[in-house]
Amino acid sequence: MSALGTLEHGWHLRVIIDRQPFPLYSILERSGYEHSTRAFDAHRFEIRIWRNA
């Protein structure tokens, strides 16, 4: 979450993780961020996070 504090408008943070972080999605939304998730396979996910416009 600390990396998100340095995220400028128009930029995104890309995270590769081995599971979908469902609890994180509501935290991001409450904090003013949007996200998209893409599954590579059953065990790898790419999550992109950016500030709401």
C-alpha atoms as a PDB file:
ATOM      1  CA  MET A   1       0.000   0.000   0.000  1.00  0.00           C
ATOM      2  CA  SER A   2       2.896   2.395   0.583  1.00  0.00           C
ATOM      3  CA  ALA A   3       3.842   2.263  -3.110  1.00  0.00           C
ATOM      4  CA  LEU A   4       0.378   3.522  -4.016  1.00  0.00           C
ATOM      5  CA  GLY A   5       1.039   6.752  -2.140  1.00  0.00           C
ATOM      6  CA  THR A   6       3.700   7.671  -4.702  1.00  0.00           C
ATOM      7  CA  LEU A   7       1.566   6.749  -7.717  1.00  0.00           C
ATOM      8  CA  GLU A   8       0.990   9.784  -9.935  1.00  0.00           C
ATOM      9  CA  HIS A   9      -2.166  10.351 -11.975  1.00  0.00           C
ATOM     10  CA  GLY A  10      -1.931   8.563 -15.306  1.00  0.00           C
ATOM     11  CA  TRP A  11       0.434   5.918 -13.941  1.00  0.00           C
ATOM     12  CA  HIS A  12      -0.395   2.425 -12.713  1.00  0.00           C
ATOM     13  CA  LEU A  13       1.144  -0.158 -10.452  1.00  0.00           C
ATOM     14  CA  ARG A  14       1.456  -3.665 -11.894  1.00  0.00           C
ATOM     15  CA  VAL A  15       1.497  -6.560  -9.412  1.00  0.00           C
ATOM     16  CA  ILE A  16       1.982 -10.241 -10.233  1.00  0.00           C
ATOM     17  CA  ILE A  17       0.667 -12.474  -7.463  1.00  0.00           C
ATOM     18  CA  ASP A  18      -0.147 -16.146  -6.968  1.00  0.00           C
ATOM     19  CA  ARG A  19      -3.766 -15.648  -5.860  1.00  0.00           C
ATOM     20  CA  GLN A  20      -6.548 -13.123  -6.264  1.00  0.00           C
ATOM     21  CA  PRO A  21      -6.430 -10.697  -3.350  1.00  0.00           C
ATOM     22  CA  PHE A  22     -10.185 -10.307  -2.903  1.00  0.00           C
ATOM     23  CA  PRO A  23      -9.947  -8.286   0.371  1.00  0.00           C
ATOM     24  CA  LEU A  24      -7.645  -5.801  -1.361  1.00  0.00           C
ATOM     25  CA  TYR A  25     -10.261  -4.814  -3.949  1.00  0.00           C
ATOM     26  CA  SER A  26     -12.619  -3.157  -1.470  1.00  0.00           C
ATOM     27  CA  ILE A  27      -9.694  -1.429   0.277  1.00  0.00           C
ATOM     28  CA  LEU A  28      -8.550   0.006  -3.057  1.00  0.00           C
ATOM     29  CA  GLU A  29     -12.034   1.242  -3.922  1.00  0.00           C
ATOM     30  CA  ARG A  30     -12.483   2.924  -0.530  1.00  0.00           C
ATOM     31  CA  SER A  31      -9.069   4.569  -0.915  1.00  0.00           C
ATOM     32  CA  GLY A  32      -9.810   6.075  -4.339  1.00  0.00           C
ATOM     33  CA  TYR A  33      -8.137   3.545  -6.622  1.00  0.00           C
ATOM     34  CA  GLU A  34      -9.376   1.422  -9.493  1.00  0.00           C
ATOM     35  CA  HIS A  35      -8.017  -1.936 -10.566  1.00  0.00           C
ATOM     36  CA  SER A  36      -8.154  -4.598 -13.229  1.00  0.00           C
ATOM     37  CA  THR A  37      -7.225  -8.228 -12.831  1.00  0.00           C
ATOM     38  CA  ARG A  38      -6.088 -10.699 -15.473  1.00  0.00           C
ATOM     39  CA  ALA A  39      -5.511 -14.394 -14.836  1.00  0.00           C
ATOM     40  CA  PHE A  40      -2.484 -15.994 -16.477  1.00  0.00           C
ATOM     41  CA  ASP A  41      -3.503 -19.438 -15.273  1.00  0.00           C
ATOM     42  CA  ALA A  42      -5.013 -20.912 -12.108  1.00  0.00           C
ATOM     43  CA  HIS A  43      -2.109 -19.683  -9.974  1.00  0.00           C
ATOM     44  CA  ARG A  44      -0.918 -16.351 -11.407  1.00  0.00           C
ATOM     45  CA  PHE A  45      -2.715 -13.046 -11.611  1.00  0.00           C
ATOM     46  CA  GLU A  46      -1.735  -9.624 -12.892  1.00  0.00           C
ATOM     47  CA  ILE A  47      -3.346  -6.734 -11.029  1.00  0.00           C
ATOM     48  CA  ARG A  48      -3.071  -3.182 -12.334  1.00  0.00           C
ATOM     49  CA  ILE A  49      -3.917  -0.388  -9.908  1.00  0.00           C
ATOM     50  CA  TRP A  50      -4.387   3.316 -10.663  1.00  0.00           C
ATOM     51  CA  ARG A  51      -5.913   6.415  -9.066  1.00  0.00           C
ATOM     52  CA  ASN A  52      -9.497   7.327  -9.871  1.00  0.00           C
ATOM     53  CA  ALA A  53      -9.691  10.191 -12.354  1.00  0.00           C
END
